Amino acid sequence: MTETVFYDSRQLQSAWQCLPGGPVAENSGECWQYLGSRLEDGTAEHQFRHRLHPAQGCRVYAYVLENDEGVKLSELRVKE
C-alpha cells in the first residue's frame, strides 16, 4: 500500500546529494527538479527529473530510496 508522506528538508537533503552530477547539475538553464516522494512498505522513494542532464544530454529521471539501510540511488532512467 502506498501512503502520502511529507518530508522535511533534513530528510530530503541526503536524497539530493545522491543525484548524478550533484544536487544542481546545471546545463543550459536546466537543473534537477523534485517531483515528489512516496512511502511503500517502510521505504521512501524520492523522484527527481532533469530535462537536459549535462552527462547524458537528454531528459533523465532519478529514483532515490531511503530506508533503514540509508539513502541510495536506486534507478536512473534516460529518455533520449
PDB file of N, CA and C in Angstrom:
ATOM      1  N   MET A   1       0.828  -1.175   0.000  1.00  0.00           N
ATOM      2  CA  MET A   1       0.000   0.000   0.000  1.00  0.00           C
ATOM      3  C   MET A   1       0.881   1.250   0.000  1.00  0.00           C
ATOM      4  N   THR A   2       0.521   2.249  -0.776  1.00  0.00           N
ATOM      5  CA  THR A   2       1.276   3.492  -0.862  1.00  0.00           C
ATOM      6  C   THR A   2       0.613   4.548   0.007  1.00  0.00           C
ATOM      7  N   GLU A   3       1.412   5.270   0.786  1.00  0.00           N
ATOM      8  CA  GLU A   3       0.911   6.329   1.651  1.00  0.00           C
ATOM      9  C   GLU A   3       1.433   7.675   1.170  1.00  0.00           C
ATOM     10  N   THR A   4       0.667   8.727   1.413  1.00  0.00           N
ATOM     11  CA  THR A   4       1.150  10.075   1.155  1.00  0.00           C
ATOM     12  C   THR A   4       1.913  10.525   2.387  1.00  0.00           C
ATOM     13  N   VAL A   5       3.150  10.947   2.194  1.00  0.00           N
ATOM     14  CA  VAL A   5       4.020  11.325   3.305  1.00  0.00           C
ATOM     15  C   VAL A   5       4.684  12.649   2.974  1.00  0.00           C
ATOM     16  N   PHE A   6       4.863  13.494   3.963  1.00  0.00           N
ATOM     17  CA  PHE A   6       5.553  14.756   3.779  1.00  0.00           C
ATOM     18  C   PHE A   6       6.931  14.662   4.417  1.00  0.00           C
ATOM     19  N   TYR A   7       7.947  15.156   3.710  1.00  0.00           N
ATOM     20  CA  TYR A   7       9.323  15.087   4.184  1.00  0.00           C
ATOM     21  C   TYR A   7       9.822  16.490   4.458  1.00  0.00           C
ATOM     22  N   ASP A   8      10.605  16.619   5.512  1.00  0.00           N
ATOM     23  CA  ASP A   8      11.190  17.930   5.768  1.00  0.00           C
ATOM     24  C   ASP A   8      12.540  18.036   5.065  1.00  0.00           C
ATOM     25  N   SER A   9      13.122  19.202   5.086  1.00  0.00           N
ATOM     26  CA  SER A   9      14.350  19.452   4.325  1.00  0.00           C
ATOM     27  C   SER A   9      15.509  18.561   4.773  1.00  0.00           C
ATOM     28  N   ARG A  10      15.553  18.178   6.038  1.00  0.00           N
ATOM     29  CA  ARG A  10      16.645  17.311   6.507  1.00  0.00           C
ATOM     30  C   ARG A  10      16.559  15.932   5.877  1.00  0.00           C
ATOM     31  N   GLN A  11      15.350  15.413   5.724  1.00  0.00           N
ATOM     32  CA  GLN A  11      15.189  14.080   5.142  1.00  0.00           C
ATOM     33  C   GLN A  11      15.518  14.083   3.652  1.00  0.00           C
ATOM     34  N   LEU A  12      15.167  15.136   2.950  1.00  0.00           N
ATOM     35  CA  LEU A  12      15.420  15.198   1.509  1.00  0.00           C
ATOM     36  C   LEU A  12      16.854  15.579   1.165  1.00  0.00           C
ATOM     37  N   GLN A  13      17.564  16.214   2.087  1.00  0.00           N
ATOM     38  CA  GLN A  13      18.929  16.661   1.811  1.00  0.00           C
ATOM     39  C   GLN A  13      19.818  15.501   1.360  1.00  0.00           C
ATOM     40  N   SER A  14      19.702  14.360   2.007  1.00  0.00           N
ATOM     41  CA  SER A  14      20.504  13.191   1.627  1.00  0.00           C
ATOM     42  C   SER A  14      20.139  12.703   0.238  1.00  0.00           C
ATOM     43  N   ALA A  15      18.862  12.740  -0.117  1.00  0.00           N
ATOM     44  CA  ALA A  15      18.426  12.299  -1.440  1.00  0.00           C
ATOM     45  C   ALA A  15      19.005  13.204  -2.527  1.00  0.00           C
ATOM     46  N   TRP A  16      18.993  14.514  -2.308  1.00  0.00           N
ATOM     47  CA  TRP A  16      19.561  15.450  -3.291  1.00  0.00           C
ATOM     48  C   TRP A  16      21.039  15.165  -3.528  1.00  0.00           C
ATOM     49  N   GLN A  17      21.771  14.770  -2.491  1.00  0.00           N
ATOM     50  CA  GLN A  17      23.212  14.516  -2.608  1.00  0.00           C
ATOM     51  C   GLN A  17      23.512  13.267  -3.433  1.00  0.00           C
ATOM     52  N   CYS A  18      22.540  12.378  -3.604  1.00  0.00           N
ATOM     53  CA  CYS A  18      22.735  11.141  -4.376  1.00  0.00           C
ATOM     54  C   CYS A  18      22.579  11.339  -5.880  1.00  0.00           C
ATOM     55  N   LEU A  19      22.108  12.489  -6.307  1.00  0.00           N
ATOM     56  CA  LEU A  19      21.815  12.698  -7.727  1.00  0.00           C
ATOM     57  C   LEU A  19      23.086  12.797  -8.564  1.00  0.00           C
ATOM     58  N   PRO A  20      23.121  12.137  -9.724  1.00  0.00           N
ATOM     59  CA  PRO A  20      24.283  12.195 -10.606  1.00  0.00           C
ATOM     60  C   PRO A  20      24.568  13.633 -11.046  1.00  0.00           C
ATOM     61  N   GLY A  21      25.804  14.057 -10.901  1.00  0.00           N
ATOM     62  CA  GLY A  21      26.176  15.424 -11.251  1.00  0.00           C
ATOM     63  C   GLY A  21      25.966  16.400 -10.111  1.00  0.00           C
ATOM     64  N   GLY A  22      25.535  15.894  -8.955  1.00  0.00           N
ATOM     65  CA  GLY A  22      25.302  16.750  -7.801  1.00  0.00           C
ATOM     66  C   GLY A  22      23.874  17.249  -7.745  1.00  0.00           C
ATOM     67  N   PRO A  23      23.548  17.980  -6.689  1.00  0.00           N
ATOM     68  CA  PRO A  23      22.167  18.404  -6.480  1.00  0.00           C
ATOM     69  C   PRO A  23      21.667  19.445  -7.483  1.00  0.00           C
ATOM     70  N   VAL A  24      22.545  20.054  -8.253  1.00  0.00           N
ATOM     71  CA  VAL A  24      22.102  21.050  -9.234  1.00  0.00           C
ATOM     72  C   VAL A  24      22.305  20.532 -10.655  1.00  0.00           C
ATOM     73  N   ALA A  25      23.544  20.222 -11.035  1.00  0.00           N
ATOM     74  CA  ALA A  25      23.894  19.741 -12.375  1.00  0.00           C
ATOM     75  C   ALA A  25      23.335  20.674 -13.445  1.00  0.00           C
ATOM     76  N   GLU A  26      23.582  21.973 -13.313  1.00  0.00           N
ATOM     77  CA  GLU A  26      23.036  22.985 -14.230  1.00  0.00           C
ATOM     78  C   GLU A  26      23.556  22.782 -15.643  1.00  0.00           C
ATOM     79  N   ASN A  27      22.648  22.884 -16.623  1.00  0.00           N
ATOM     80  CA  ASN A  27      23.009  22.753 -18.024  1.00  0.00           C
ATOM     81  C   ASN A  27      21.995  23.541 -18.854  1.00  0.00           C
ATOM     82  N   SER A  28      22.432  24.587 -19.511  1.00  0.00           N
ATOM     83  CA  SER A  28      21.559  25.418 -20.356  1.00  0.00           C
ATOM     84  C   SER A  28      20.313  25.888 -19.615  1.00  0.00           C
ATOM     85  N   GLY A  29      20.493  26.257 -18.354  1.00  0.00           N
ATOM     86  CA  GLY A  29      19.375  26.751 -17.551  1.00  0.00           C
ATOM     87  C   GLY A  29      18.519  25.673 -16.920  1.00  0.00           C
ATOM     88  N   GLU A  30      18.812  24.427 -17.185  1.00  0.00           N
ATOM     89  CA  GLU A  30      18.058  23.317 -16.596  1.00  0.00           C
ATOM     90  C   GLU A  30      18.836  22.726 -15.426  1.00  0.00           C
ATOM     91  N   CYS A  31      18.099  22.230 -14.422  1.00  0.00           N
ATOM     92  CA  CYS A  31      18.714  21.588 -13.258  1.00  0.00           C
ATOM     93  C   CYS A  31      17.742  20.531 -12.735  1.00  0.00           C
ATOM     94  N   TRP A  32      18.166  19.809 -11.709  1.00  0.00           N
ATOM     95  CA  TRP A  32      17.311  18.776 -11.126  1.00  0.00           C
ATOM     96  C   TRP A  32      16.044  19.406 -10.561  1.00  0.00           C
ATOM     97  N   GLN A  33      14.926  18.714 -10.736  1.00  0.00           N
ATOM     98  CA  GLN A  33      13.642  19.128 -10.177  1.00  0.00           C
ATOM     99  C   GLN A  33      13.100  17.999  -9.315  1.00  0.00           C
ATOM    100  N   TYR A  34      12.602  18.349  -8.151  1.00  0.00           N
ATOM    101  CA  TYR A  34      11.999  17.367  -7.245  1.00  0.00           C
ATOM    102  C   TYR A  34      10.561  17.128  -7.696  1.00  0.00           C
ATOM    103  N   LEU A  35      10.190  15.866  -7.945  1.00  0.00           N
ATOM    104  CA  LEU A  35       8.842  15.532  -8.405  1.00  0.00           C
ATOM    105  C   LEU A  35       7.930  15.060  -7.286  1.00  0.00           C
ATOM    106  N   GLY A  36       8.502  14.491  -6.234  1.00  0.00           N
ATOM    107  CA  GLY A  36       7.686  14.017  -5.131  1.00  0.00           C
ATOM    108  C   GLY A  36       8.282  12.797  -4.465  1.00  0.00           C
ATOM    109  N   SER A  37       7.608  12.345  -3.417  1.00  0.00           N
ATOM    110  CA  SER A  37       8.046  11.172  -2.655  1.00  0.00           C
ATOM    111  C   SER A  37       6.845  10.307  -2.347  1.00  0.00           C
ATOM    112  N   ARG A  38       7.123   9.024  -2.169  1.00  0.00           N
ATOM    113  CA  ARG A  38       6.075   8.111  -1.739  1.00  0.00           C
ATOM    114  C   ARG A  38       6.685   7.105  -0.779  1.00  0.00           C
ATOM    115  N   LEU A  39       5.859   6.579   0.108  1.00  0.00           N
ATOM    116  CA  LEU A  39       6.295   5.605   1.099  1.00  0.00           C
ATOM    117  C   LEU A  39       5.577   4.298   0.836  1.00  0.00           C
ATOM    118  N   GLU A  40       6.353   3.231   0.676  1.00  0.00           N
ATOM    119  CA  GLU A  40       5.768   1.916   0.439  1.00  0.00           C
ATOM    120  C   GLU A  40       6.557   0.872   1.217  1.00  0.00           C
ATOM    121  N   ASP A  41       5.872   0.154   2.073  1.00  0.00           N
ATOM    122  CA  ASP A  41       6.493  -0.913   2.879  1.00  0.00           C
ATOM    123  C   ASP A  41       7.706  -0.416   3.657  1.00  0.00           C
ATOM    124  N   GLY A  42       7.628   0.778   4.221  1.00  0.00           N
ATOM    125  CA  GLY A  42       8.704   1.314   5.050  1.00  0.00           C
ATOM    126  C   GLY A  42       9.861   1.928   4.298  1.00  0.00           C
ATOM    127  N   THR A  43       9.796   1.973   2.962  1.00  0.00           N
ATOM    128  CA  THR A  43      10.858   2.569   2.149  1.00  0.00           C
ATOM    129  C   THR A  43      10.305   3.786   1.421  1.00  0.00           C
ATOM    130  N   ALA A  44      10.996   4.905   1.563  1.00  0.00           N
ATOM    131  CA  ALA A  44      10.609   6.125   0.853  1.00  0.00           C
ATOM    132  C   ALA A  44      11.313   6.157  -0.491  1.00  0.00           C
ATOM    133  N   GLU A  45      10.588   6.527  -1.531  1.00  0.00           N
ATOM    134  CA  GLU A  45      11.177   6.708  -2.853  1.00  0.00           C
ATOM    135  C   GLU A  45      11.001   8.176  -3.233  1.00  0.00           C
ATOM    136  N   HIS A  46      12.118   8.860  -3.456  1.00  0.00           N
ATOM    137  CA  HIS A  46      12.113  10.260  -3.857  1.00  0.00           C
ATOM    138  C   HIS A  46      12.376  10.310  -5.359  1.00  0.00           C
ATOM    139  N   GLN A  47      11.567  11.068  -6.082  1.00  0.00           N
ATOM    140  CA  GLN A  47      11.658  11.106  -7.535  1.00  0.00           C
ATOM    141  C   GLN A  47      12.105  12.486  -8.011  1.00  0.00           C
ATOM    142  N   PHE A  48      13.057  12.491  -8.946  1.00  0.00           N
ATOM    143  CA  PHE A  48      13.623  13.720  -9.496  1.00  0.00           C
ATOM    144  C   PHE A  48      13.686  13.632 -11.019  1.00  0.00           C
ATOM    145  N   ARG A  49      13.714  14.813 -11.672  1.00  0.00           N
ATOM    146  CA  ARG A  49      13.836  14.864 -13.131  1.00  0.00           C
ATOM    147  C   ARG A  49      14.806  15.985 -13.505  1.00  0.00           C
ATOM    148  N   HIS A  50      15.596  15.720 -14.526  1.00  0.00           N
ATOM    149  CA  HIS A  50      16.464  16.741 -15.124  1.00  0.00           C
ATOM    150  C   HIS A  50      16.144  16.751 -16.617  1.00  0.00           C
ATOM    151  N   ARG A  51      15.738  17.893 -17.144  1.00  0.00           N
ATOM    152  CA  ARG A  51      15.294  17.955 -18.542  1.00  0.00           C
ATOM    153  C   ARG A  51      16.434  17.883 -19.551  1.00  0.00           C
ATOM    154  N   LEU A  52      17.649  18.234 -19.130  1.00  0.00           N
ATOM    155  CA  LEU A  52      18.796  18.195 -20.041  1.00  0.00           C
ATOM    156  C   LEU A  52      20.064  17.952 -19.218  1.00  0.00           C
ATOM    157  N   HIS A  53      20.222  16.721 -18.758  1.00  0.00           N
ATOM    158  CA  HIS A  53      21.350  16.419 -17.876  1.00  0.00           C
ATOM    159  C   HIS A  53      22.664  16.594 -18.632  1.00  0.00           C
ATOM    160  N   PRO A  54      23.665  17.254 -18.020  1.00  0.00           N
ATOM    161  CA  PRO A  54      24.922  17.532 -18.722  1.00  0.00           C
ATOM    162  C   PRO A  54      25.693  16.287 -19.161  1.00  0.00           C
ATOM    163  N   ALA A  55      25.604  15.200 -18.434  1.00  0.00           N
ATOM    164  CA  ALA A  55      26.352  13.994 -18.801  1.00  0.00           C
ATOM    165  C   ALA A  55      25.649  13.190 -19.904  1.00  0.00           C
ATOM    166  N   GLN A  56      24.319  13.149 -19.872  1.00  0.00           N
ATOM    167  CA  GLN A  56      23.576  12.358 -20.850  1.00  0.00           C
ATOM    168  C   GLN A  56      23.095  13.186 -22.041  1.00  0.00           C
ATOM    169  N   GLY A  57      22.936  14.494 -21.857  1.00  0.00           N
ATOM    170  CA  GLY A  57      22.474  15.361 -22.930  1.00  0.00           C
ATOM    171  C   GLY A  57      21.005  15.187 -23.275  1.00  0.00           C
ATOM    172  N   CYS A  58      20.226  14.649 -22.334  1.00  0.00           N
ATOM    173  CA  CYS A  58      18.802  14.438 -22.557  1.00  0.00           C
ATOM    174  C   CYS A  58      18.077  14.406 -21.204  1.00  0.00           C
ATOM    175  N   ARG A  59      16.776  14.132 -21.261  1.00  0.00           N
ATOM    176  CA  ARG A  59      15.969  14.056 -20.036  1.00  0.00           C
ATOM    177  C   ARG A  59      16.342  12.812 -19.232  1.00  0.00           C
ATOM    178  N   VAL A  60      16.466  12.992 -17.912  1.00  0.00           N
ATOM    179  CA  VAL A  60      16.846  11.893 -17.017  1.00  0.00           C
ATOM    180  C   VAL A  60      15.930  11.918 -15.793  1.00  0.00           C
ATOM    181  N   TYR A  61      15.470  10.740 -15.389  1.00  0.00           N
ATOM    182  CA  TYR A  61      14.698  10.595 -14.159  1.00  0.00           C
ATOM    183  C   TYR A  61      15.545   9.811 -13.160  1.00  0.00           C
ATOM    184  N   ALA A  62      15.582  10.280 -11.918  1.00  0.00           N
ATOM    185  CA  ALA A  62      16.348   9.603 -10.867  1.00  0.00           C
ATOM    186  C   ALA A  62      15.402   9.217  -9.735  1.00  0.00           C
ATOM    187  N   TYR A  63      15.595   8.016  -9.218  1.00  0.00           N
ATOM    188  CA  TYR A  63      14.788   7.499  -8.120  1.00  0.00           C
ATOM    189  C   TYR A  63      15.732   7.154  -6.972  1.00  0.00           C
ATOM    190  N   VAL A  64      15.533   7.804  -5.840  1.00  0.00           N
ATOM    191  CA  VAL A  64      16.403   7.631  -4.683  1.00  0.00           C
ATOM    192  C   VAL A  64      15.597   6.966  -3.570  1.00  0.00           C
ATOM    193  N   LEU A  65      16.109   5.846  -3.052  1.00  0.00           N
ATOM    194  CA  LEU A  65      15.442   5.123  -1.974  1.00  0.00           C
ATOM    195  C   LEU A  65      16.027   5.500  -0.621  1.00  0.00           C
ATOM    196  N   GLU A  66      15.148   5.559   0.373  1.00  0.00           N
ATOM    197  CA  GLU A  66      15.565   5.853   1.742  1.00  0.00           C
ATOM    198  C   GLU A  66      14.849   4.880   2.670  1.00  0.00           C
ATOM    199  N   ASN A  67      15.652   4.092   3.405  1.00  0.00           N
ATOM    200  CA  ASN A  67      15.077   3.153   4.374  1.00  0.00           C
ATOM    201  C   ASN A  67      16.047   2.988   5.539  1.00  0.00           C
ATOM    202  N   ASP A  68      15.868   1.933   6.320  1.00  0.00           N
ATOM    203  CA  ASP A  68      16.722   1.704   7.493  1.00  0.00           C
ATOM    204  C   ASP A  68      18.186   1.499   7.123  1.00  0.00           C
ATOM    205  N   GLU A  69      18.462   1.092   5.883  1.00  0.00           N
ATOM    206  CA  GLU A  69      19.833   0.866   5.432  1.00  0.00           C
ATOM    207  C   GLU A  69      20.510   2.152   4.960  1.00  0.00           C
ATOM    208  N   GLY A  70      19.761   3.235   4.854  1.00  0.00           N
ATOM    209  CA  GLY A  70      20.327   4.510   4.415  1.00  0.00           C
ATOM    210  C   GLY A  70      19.663   5.018   3.145  1.00  0.00           C
ATOM    211  N   VAL A  71      20.366   5.911   2.458  1.00  0.00           N
ATOM    212  CA  VAL A  71      19.856   6.548   1.244  1.00  0.00           C
ATOM    213  C   VAL A  71      20.746   6.157   0.075  1.00  0.00           C
ATOM    214  N   LYS A  72      20.132   5.748  -1.051  1.00  0.00           N
ATOM    215  CA  LYS A  72      20.942   5.380  -2.214  1.00  0.00           C
ATOM    216  C   LYS A  72      20.141   5.610  -3.499  1.00  0.00           C
ATOM    217  N   LEU A  73      20.871   5.878  -4.571  1.00  0.00           N
ATOM    218  CA  LEU A  73      20.267   5.987  -5.889  1.00  0.00           C
ATOM    219  C   LEU A  73      19.861   4.596  -6.327  1.00  0.00           C
ATOM    220  N   SER A  74      18.574   4.382  -6.617  1.00  0.00           N
ATOM    221  CA  SER A  74      18.131   3.042  -6.977  1.00  0.00           C
ATOM    222  C   SER A  74      17.970   2.846  -8.473  1.00  0.00           C
ATOM    223  N   GLU A  75      17.628   3.924  -9.186  1.00  0.00           N
ATOM    224  CA  GLU A  75      17.386   3.770 -10.612  1.00  0.00           C
ATOM    225  C   GLU A  75      17.598   5.101 -11.311  1.00  0.00           C
ATOM    226  N   LEU A  76      18.131   5.032 -12.523  1.00  0.00           N
ATOM    227  CA  LEU A  76      18.325   6.206 -13.363  1.00  0.00           C
ATOM    228  C   LEU A  76      17.756   5.861 -14.732  1.00  0.00           C
ATOM    229  N   ARG A  77      16.729   6.591 -15.151  1.00  0.00           N
ATOM    230  CA  ARG A  77      16.109   6.343 -16.463  1.00  0.00           C
ATOM    231  C   ARG A  77      16.430   7.486 -17.396  1.00  0.00           C
ATOM    232  N   VAL A  78      16.991   7.158 -18.538  1.00  0.00           N
ATOM    233  CA  VAL A  78      17.375   8.149 -19.545  1.00  0.00           C
ATOM    234  C   VAL A  78      16.345   8.122 -20.654  1.00  0.00           C
ATOM    235  N   LYS A  79      15.786   9.296 -20.980  1.00  0.00           N
ATOM    236  CA  LYS A  79      14.794   9.429 -22.058  1.00  0.00           C
ATOM    237  C   LYS A  79      15.424  10.193 -23.198  1.00  0.00           C
ATOM    238  N   GLU A  80      15.849   9.490 -24.231  1.00  0.00           N
ATOM    239  CA  GLU A  80      16.518  10.144 -25.371  1.00  0.00           C
ATOM    240  C   GLU A  80      15.505  10.629 -26.380  1.00  0.00           C
TER     241      GLU A  80
END
